[in-house]
Amino acid sequence: MGIPESIAKVMCCKPFNDPSSIRVIGCVIGVVGSLLVYGVLQERIMSQPYSDAGKDEFFSYSVFLVLSNRVLGCLMAAVILALTKGNVTPVAGIHRYAVVSLSNVVATTCQYEALKYLSFPVQTLGKCAKMIPVMIWGFLINQKRYGMSDVGIAIAVTAGCTIFGLYGDESTLTSNASKGANVQETSEYGILLMLGYLFFDGFTSTFQDKLFVGYNMETYNQMLWVNFCSAIISVVYLYSDGSFQDAIAFIERHPLITGDIMILSIAAMLGQLCILYTIKEFGALLFATIMTTRQFLSILLSCIVFMHMLSPMQWLGTVLVFGALYYKSFAKAAGSKKAVDGEKEPLISGGENSGKV
């Protein structure tokens, strides 16, 4: 796979020792590297057993993972604001942060829970279909209109995901954590969780624009308070059903998972910082291209590490999905001088540019 056009445009006619080229390479390595690790650890924690005295046990406390991610993200945002002497007090009403946080916690929990029932390649391809709910929410909330090209790309992505699902067997569609269960029921429940993820993630991305419009808000101020509210919501949920104590008990029985959770949270935090920096310095086009590449590499890495054997038709569906996403990036580069010139776009924006992990 050659250098994607949007990355090449940023580096065009510049030697590799040029500061801009070095920063682009750094962004690619930072975003792809951190999120590849994040993807592998997601699948390891949620779909692979932890053994204790020969007895296998699966970790099932998704909200605990959300809590660990958000606490670390909150601390990092606070440190950055302190070092840069930024504003650490809430700029908007705390309820505005809480609405975004609640939706994000539900979306992330659905994403983790889906890995109990669906394989990582299915989950990753399903996340690519987020264009559709983002478009729906954009129309309903912001009255945004979309052209036929956007609709066509969304249809192609959906078709690719459908082909992948229709031409796979149990080993490539379902999670290792659900082996032995009814395949149809498992797949249906996993799909419902992914629909929940798409619904709430699309709402989060779109509603951020609506909630924070008119506020002169630093990126890390939003990161601090959204993560803080997300952590509070996660703690309330975990204590309300007793799963916090259960998660701690699991960690005590299987101390190896502590390292996995820590690395997962660090990778999520670094990924979020790299995403925000990439969008700020080089615009959403480069970021979208990097993310598309990262998702494809995540599927390849998952197939290698966890031995998912995809059929030829499933690879066709995968190529259709990522081909449509690359076309979207290239069409934007060709049709918008703003995108070609790498002008900065708002950090608080919908869809793929929201900087959430």
Protein backbone atom coordinates (compact mmCIF):
# COMPACT_ATOMS: atom_id res chain seq x y z
CA MET A 1 0.00 0.00 0.00
CA GLY A 2 1.58 3.30 -1.11
CA ILE A 3 1.49 6.63 0.71
CA PRO A 4 -2.12 7.87 0.65
CA GLU A 5 -2.64 10.97 -1.48
CA SER A 6 -3.63 13.25 1.41
CA ILE A 7 -0.43 12.39 3.29
CA ALA A 8 1.63 12.82 0.14
CA LYS A 9 0.15 16.29 -0.44
CA VAL A 10 1.33 17.47 2.97
CA MET A 11 4.83 16.10 2.32
CA CYS A 12 4.93 17.06 -1.39
CA CYS A 13 8.21 18.56 -2.60
CA LYS A 14 9.68 18.53 0.93
CA PRO A 15 12.68 16.46 2.04
CA PHE A 16 12.17 13.99 4.84
CA ASN A 17 14.29 16.17 7.14
CA ASP A 18 11.86 19.05 6.67
CA PRO A 19 10.10 19.80 9.99
CA SER A 20 6.64 19.53 8.40
CA SER A 21 7.39 16.11 6.88
CA ILE A 22 8.83 14.87 10.16
CA ARG A 23 5.71 16.02 12.02
CA VAL A 24 3.46 14.27 9.50
CA ILE A 25 5.40 11.04 9.94
CA GLY A 26 5.21 11.52 13.70
CA CYS A 27 1.43 11.96 13.51
CA VAL A 28 1.04 8.82 11.41
CA ILE A 29 3.19 6.77 13.79
CA GLY A 30 1.52 8.25 16.87
CA VAL A 31 -2.09 7.76 15.77
CA VAL A 32 -1.66 4.38 14.06
CA GLY A 33 0.71 2.95 16.67
CA SER A 34 -1.32 3.92 19.73
CA LEU A 35 -4.64 2.83 18.26
CA LEU A 36 -3.27 -0.48 16.96
CA VAL A 37 -2.17 -1.27 20.52
CA TYR A 38 -5.57 -0.07 21.77
CA GLY A 39 -7.37 -2.39 19.35
CA VAL A 40 -5.31 -5.46 20.24
CA LEU A 41 -5.78 -4.85 23.98
CA GLN A 42 -9.55 -4.37 23.51
CA GLU A 43 -9.80 -7.77 21.92
CA ARG A 44 -7.44 -9.39 24.40
CA ILE A 45 -9.36 -8.14 27.45
CA MET A 46 -12.92 -8.63 26.22
CA SER A 47 -12.69 -11.80 24.13
CA GLN A 48 -9.80 -13.88 25.49
CA PRO A 49 -9.86 -15.82 28.77
CA TYR A 50 -7.64 -15.22 31.79
CA SER A 51 -6.58 -18.46 33.46
CA ASP A 52 -6.41 -19.18 37.18
CA ALA A 53 -5.34 -22.66 38.30
CA GLY A 54 -6.39 -24.06 34.94
CA LYS A 55 -9.80 -22.40 35.02
CA ASP A 56 -10.61 -19.92 32.25
CA GLU A 57 -12.53 -16.76 33.11
CA PHE A 58 -13.59 -13.86 30.88
CA PHE A 59 -13.53 -10.21 31.97
CA SER A 60 -17.05 -8.79 31.61
CA TYR A 61 -16.91 -5.33 33.20
CA SER A 62 -16.85 -2.98 30.23
CA VAL A 63 -17.73 0.16 32.20
CA PHE A 64 -14.66 -0.42 34.40
CA LEU A 65 -12.52 -0.10 31.26
CA VAL A 66 -14.35 3.10 30.35
CA LEU A 67 -13.64 4.43 33.86
CA SER A 68 -9.91 3.66 33.67
CA ASN A 69 -9.64 5.31 30.24
CA ARG A 70 -11.51 8.44 31.29
CA VAL A 71 -9.62 8.89 34.58
CA LEU A 72 -6.27 8.81 32.78
CA GLY A 73 -7.56 11.14 30.05
CA CYS A 74 -8.85 13.55 32.69
CA LEU A 75 -5.52 13.58 34.53
CA MET A 76 -3.55 14.15 31.33
CA ALA A 77 -5.80 17.04 30.27
CA ALA A 78 -5.39 18.61 33.73
CA VAL A 79 -1.60 18.31 33.52
CA ILE A 80 -1.52 19.89 30.04
CA LEU A 81 -3.74 22.77 31.14
CA ALA A 82 -1.57 23.31 34.22
CA LEU A 83 1.65 23.34 32.19
CA THR A 84 0.22 25.69 29.55
CA LYS A 85 -1.57 27.82 32.16
CA GLY A 86 -4.88 27.08 30.45
CA ASN A 87 -8.34 27.48 31.93
CA VAL A 88 -9.18 24.50 34.15
CA THR A 89 -12.62 25.77 35.22
CA PRO A 90 -15.69 24.66 33.22
CA VAL A 91 -16.41 27.15 30.44
CA ALA A 92 -19.90 25.81 29.70
CA GLY A 93 -22.53 24.64 32.15
CA ILE A 94 -21.53 21.33 33.70
CA HIS A 95 -24.76 19.77 32.39
CA ARG A 96 -23.54 20.37 28.83
CA TYR A 97 -20.40 18.34 29.45
CA ALA A 98 -22.50 15.69 31.23
CA VAL A 99 -24.83 15.17 28.25
CA VAL A 100 -21.89 14.53 25.93
CA SER A 101 -20.24 12.34 28.58
CA LEU A 102 -23.32 10.17 29.14
CA SER A 103 -23.73 9.51 25.44
CA ASN A 104 -20.02 8.78 25.06
CA VAL A 105 -19.98 6.35 28.01
CA VAL A 106 -22.92 4.42 26.54
CA ALA A 107 -21.29 4.33 23.08
CA THR A 108 -17.93 3.13 24.42
CA THR A 109 -19.57 0.51 26.63
CA CYS A 110 -21.52 -0.85 23.65
CA GLN A 111 -18.25 -0.99 21.70
CA TYR A 112 -16.51 -3.05 24.39
CA GLU A 113 -19.55 -5.25 25.06
CA ALA A 114 -19.85 -6.08 21.35
CA LEU A 115 -16.47 -7.81 21.53
CA LYS A 116 -18.06 -10.44 23.78
CA TYR A 117 -20.27 -11.51 20.88
CA LEU A 118 -18.59 -10.37 17.64
CA SER A 119 -15.06 -10.77 16.35
CA PHE A 120 -12.82 -7.70 16.22
CA PRO A 121 -12.87 -7.48 12.38
CA VAL A 122 -16.69 -7.41 12.45
CA GLN A 123 -16.69 -4.75 15.19
CA THR A 124 -14.14 -2.59 13.35
CA LEU A 125 -16.01 -2.75 10.05
CA GLY A 126 -19.25 -2.00 11.88
CA LYS A 127 -17.67 1.15 13.33
CA CYS A 128 -16.91 2.30 9.78
CA ALA A 129 -20.67 2.52 9.23
CA LYS A 130 -20.84 5.47 11.66
CA MET A 131 -21.19 7.77 8.62
CA ILE A 132 -24.87 6.89 8.37
CA PRO A 133 -25.99 7.82 11.92
CA VAL A 134 -23.74 10.92 11.82
CA MET A 135 -25.52 12.01 8.63
CA ILE A 136 -28.93 11.32 10.17
CA TRP A 137 -28.10 13.22 13.37
CA GLY A 138 -26.53 16.03 11.33
CA PHE A 139 -29.77 16.44 9.42
CA LEU A 140 -32.04 16.17 12.48
CA ILE A 141 -30.02 18.38 14.84
CA ASN A 142 -28.17 20.81 12.57
CA GLN A 143 -30.35 20.60 9.43
CA LYS A 144 -27.23 19.68 7.48
CA ARG A 145 -27.68 18.55 3.86
CA TYR A 146 -25.61 15.85 2.16
CA GLY A 147 -24.85 15.34 -1.51
CA MET A 148 -25.28 12.21 -3.58
CA SER A 149 -21.56 11.46 -3.26
CA ASP A 150 -21.86 11.24 0.54
CA VAL A 151 -24.95 9.05 0.24
CA GLY A 152 -23.19 6.80 -2.29
CA ILE A 153 -20.16 6.38 -0.04
CA ALA A 154 -22.42 5.53 2.92
CA ILE A 155 -24.23 2.91 0.80
CA ALA A 156 -20.91 1.39 -0.35
CA VAL A 157 -19.66 1.14 3.25
CA THR A 158 -22.92 -0.47 4.34
CA ALA A 159 -22.79 -2.91 1.42
CA GLY A 160 -19.22 -3.89 2.31
CA CYS A 161 -20.18 -4.52 5.93
CA THR A 162 -23.18 -6.59 4.79
CA ILE A 163 -21.05 -8.73 2.46
CA PHE A 164 -18.56 -9.32 5.27
CA GLY A 165 -21.35 -10.49 7.58
CA LEU A 166 -23.14 -12.69 5.06
CA TYR A 167 -20.09 -14.62 3.87
CA GLY A 168 -18.41 -15.43 7.16
CA ASP A 169 -18.59 -18.49 9.39
CA GLU A 170 -18.72 -18.63 13.19
CA SER A 171 -14.94 -18.33 13.60
CA THR A 172 -14.78 -15.01 11.74
CA LEU A 173 -18.05 -13.48 12.93
CA THR A 174 -18.37 -14.33 16.62
CA SER A 175 -16.12 -13.61 19.58
CA ASN A 176 -14.06 -16.28 21.30
CA ALA A 177 -15.93 -15.35 24.49
CA SER A 178 -19.21 -16.58 22.97
CA LYS A 179 -17.98 -19.84 21.41
CA GLY A 180 -20.42 -22.67 22.03
CA ALA A 181 -23.43 -20.36 22.30
CA ASN A 182 -26.17 -20.09 19.69
CA VAL A 183 -24.45 -18.37 16.75
CA GLN A 184 -27.56 -16.59 15.49
CA GLU A 185 -28.53 -15.25 18.92
CA THR A 186 -24.94 -14.23 19.64
CA SER A 187 -24.57 -12.41 16.33
CA GLU A 188 -27.93 -10.67 16.71
CA TYR A 189 -27.07 -9.41 20.19
CA GLY A 190 -23.64 -8.26 19.04
CA ILE A 191 -25.20 -6.41 16.11
CA LEU A 192 -27.69 -4.72 18.46
CA LEU A 193 -24.77 -3.53 20.60
CA MET A 194 -23.01 -2.16 17.51
CA LEU A 195 -26.21 -0.38 16.47
CA GLY A 196 -26.28 1.11 19.97
CA TYR A 197 -22.67 2.20 19.54
CA LEU A 198 -23.39 3.81 16.16
CA PHE A 199 -26.51 5.55 17.48
CA PHE A 200 -24.88 7.07 20.57
CA ASP A 201 -21.50 7.77 18.96
CA GLY A 202 -23.21 9.60 16.11
CA PHE A 203 -25.26 11.55 18.63
CA THR A 204 -22.15 12.42 20.67
CA SER A 205 -20.20 13.64 17.65
CA THR A 206 -23.03 15.76 16.29
CA PHE A 207 -24.42 17.08 19.56
CA GLN A 208 -21.00 18.37 20.66
CA ASP A 209 -21.25 21.07 18.01
CA LYS A 210 -24.70 22.07 19.22
CA LEU A 211 -23.82 22.10 22.91
CA PHE A 212 -20.57 24.01 22.75
CA VAL A 213 -21.34 26.52 19.99
CA GLY A 214 -20.59 30.07 21.10
CA TYR A 215 -18.15 29.04 23.83
CA ASN A 216 -14.49 30.08 23.58
CA MET A 217 -13.33 26.70 24.79
CA GLU A 218 -9.84 25.22 24.69
CA THR A 219 -9.60 21.67 23.39
CA TYR A 220 -8.07 20.37 26.61
CA ASN A 221 -10.69 22.14 28.71
CA GLN A 222 -13.34 20.12 26.91
CA MET A 223 -11.21 16.97 27.22
CA LEU A 224 -10.83 17.56 30.97
CA TRP A 225 -14.49 18.09 31.81
CA VAL A 226 -15.99 15.56 29.40
CA ASN A 227 -13.61 12.91 30.76
CA PHE A 228 -14.33 14.02 34.34
CA CYS A 229 -18.09 13.72 33.86
CA SER A 230 -17.62 10.39 32.08
CA ALA A 231 -15.61 9.08 35.04
CA ILE A 232 -18.31 10.19 37.51
CA ILE A 233 -21.05 8.54 35.42
CA SER A 234 -19.00 5.32 35.20
CA VAL A 235 -18.40 5.24 38.97
CA VAL A 236 -22.10 5.79 39.71
CA TYR A 237 -23.06 2.93 37.37
CA LEU A 238 -20.38 0.55 38.70
CA TYR A 239 -21.40 1.09 42.32
CA SER A 240 -25.13 0.99 41.57
CA ASP A 241 -25.00 -2.64 40.40
CA GLY A 242 -22.03 -3.79 42.46
CA SER A 243 -19.82 -4.44 39.44
CA PHE A 244 -16.99 -2.22 40.75
CA GLN A 245 -16.28 -4.69 43.55
CA ASP A 246 -16.65 -7.60 41.12
CA ALA A 247 -14.15 -6.02 38.71
CA ILE A 248 -11.64 -5.48 41.52
CA ALA A 249 -12.13 -9.09 42.65
CA PHE A 250 -11.45 -10.28 39.08
CA ILE A 251 -8.25 -8.22 38.98
CA GLU A 252 -7.13 -9.73 42.30
CA ARG A 253 -7.73 -13.24 40.90
CA HIS A 254 -5.98 -12.42 37.62
CA PRO A 255 -3.29 -9.78 38.29
CA LEU A 256 -2.01 -10.05 34.70
CA ILE A 257 -5.04 -8.09 33.52
CA THR A 258 -3.79 -5.04 35.44
CA GLY A 259 -1.03 -4.51 32.88
CA ASP A 260 -3.48 -4.97 30.00
CA ILE A 261 -5.89 -2.38 31.43
CA MET A 262 -3.07 0.09 32.09
CA ILE A 263 -1.64 -0.24 28.58
CA LEU A 264 -5.16 0.00 27.09
CA SER A 265 -5.79 3.25 28.99
CA ILE A 266 -2.38 4.72 28.11
CA ALA A 267 -2.87 3.83 24.43
CA ALA A 268 -6.34 5.43 24.46
CA MET A 269 -4.98 8.60 26.08
CA LEU A 270 -2.00 8.87 23.70
CA GLY A 271 -4.28 8.18 20.75
CA GLN A 272 -6.60 11.00 21.80
CA LEU A 273 -3.69 13.44 22.15
CA CYS A 274 -2.22 12.43 18.76
CA ILE A 275 -5.64 12.79 17.12
CA LEU A 276 -6.15 16.29 18.52
CA TYR A 277 -2.64 17.36 17.46
CA THR A 278 -3.05 15.94 13.95
CA ILE A 279 -6.36 17.73 13.36
CA LYS A 280 -5.03 20.99 14.79
CA GLU A 281 -1.80 21.01 12.75
CA PHE A 282 -2.80 19.35 9.47
CA GLY A 283 -6.59 19.36 9.27
CA ALA A 284 -9.28 16.70 9.20
CA LEU A 285 -8.36 15.30 5.76
CA LEU A 286 -5.00 13.91 6.81
CA PHE A 287 -6.53 12.61 10.02
CA ALA A 288 -9.38 10.83 8.19
CA THR A 289 -6.87 9.15 5.86
CA ILE A 290 -4.67 8.05 8.76
CA MET A 291 -7.69 6.66 10.62
CA THR A 292 -8.87 4.71 7.57
CA THR A 293 -5.40 3.20 7.20
CA ARG A 294 -5.29 2.41 10.92
CA GLN A 295 -8.65 0.59 10.82
CA PHE A 296 -7.53 -1.58 7.92
CA LEU A 297 -4.23 -2.38 9.67
CA SER A 298 -6.16 -3.17 12.88
CA ILE A 299 -8.14 -5.85 11.05
CA LEU A 300 -4.95 -7.31 9.55
CA LEU A 301 -3.23 -7.34 12.94
CA SER A 302 -6.24 -8.96 14.62
CA CYS A 303 -6.34 -11.69 11.96
CA ILE A 304 -2.64 -12.39 12.57
CA VAL A 305 -2.61 -12.24 16.38
CA PHE A 306 -5.97 -13.93 17.05
CA MET A 307 -6.08 -16.12 13.91
CA HIS A 308 -9.28 -14.91 12.25
CA MET A 309 -9.40 -16.64 8.85
CA LEU A 310 -11.40 -14.42 6.49
CA SER A 311 -13.03 -15.77 3.33
CA PRO A 312 -12.36 -14.19 -0.11
CA MET A 313 -15.82 -12.56 -0.05
CA GLN A 314 -15.08 -11.08 3.37
CA TRP A 315 -11.86 -9.56 2.02
CA LEU A 316 -13.93 -8.19 -0.87
CA GLY A 317 -16.30 -6.57 1.62
CA THR A 318 -13.34 -5.16 3.54
CA VAL A 319 -11.80 -3.68 0.39
CA LEU A 320 -15.18 -2.18 -0.58
CA VAL A 321 -15.49 -0.45 2.80
CA PHE A 322 -12.00 1.00 2.87
CA GLY A 323 -12.02 1.80 -0.83
CA ALA A 324 -15.12 3.93 -0.27
CA LEU A 325 -13.51 5.66 2.72
CA TYR A 326 -10.32 6.43 0.79
CA TYR A 327 -12.41 7.74 -2.10
CA LYS A 328 -14.16 10.03 0.37
CA SER A 329 -10.80 11.47 1.45
CA PHE A 330 -9.51 11.89 -2.10
CA ALA A 331 -12.76 13.45 -3.32
CA LYS A 332 -12.58 15.95 -0.50
CA ALA A 333 -8.97 16.75 -1.42
CA ALA A 334 -9.86 17.30 -5.08
CA GLY A 335 -13.00 19.32 -4.45
CA SER A 336 -11.95 21.60 -1.62
CA LYS A 337 -9.01 23.96 -1.79
CA LYS A 338 -9.32 24.37 1.93
CA ALA A 339 -8.74 20.67 2.44
CA VAL A 340 -5.91 20.51 -0.13
CA ASP A 341 -4.09 23.40 1.51
CA GLY A 342 -4.40 21.65 4.85
CA GLU A 343 -6.24 24.48 6.53
CA LYS A 344 -7.13 23.89 10.13
CA GLU A 345 -10.64 22.78 10.89
CA PRO A 346 -12.56 23.02 14.16
CA LEU A 347 -11.40 20.55 16.78
CA ILE A 348 -14.91 20.16 18.14
CA SER A 349 -16.61 18.73 15.09
CA GLY A 350 -18.83 15.84 14.21
CA GLY A 351 -18.14 12.39 12.89
CA GLU A 352 -14.57 11.23 12.49
CA ASN A 353 -13.01 14.45 13.70
CA SER A 354 -14.19 14.44 17.24
CA GLY A 355 -10.97 13.09 18.71
CA LYS A 356 -12.66 10.44 20.82
CA VAL A 357 -11.22 6.99 21.37
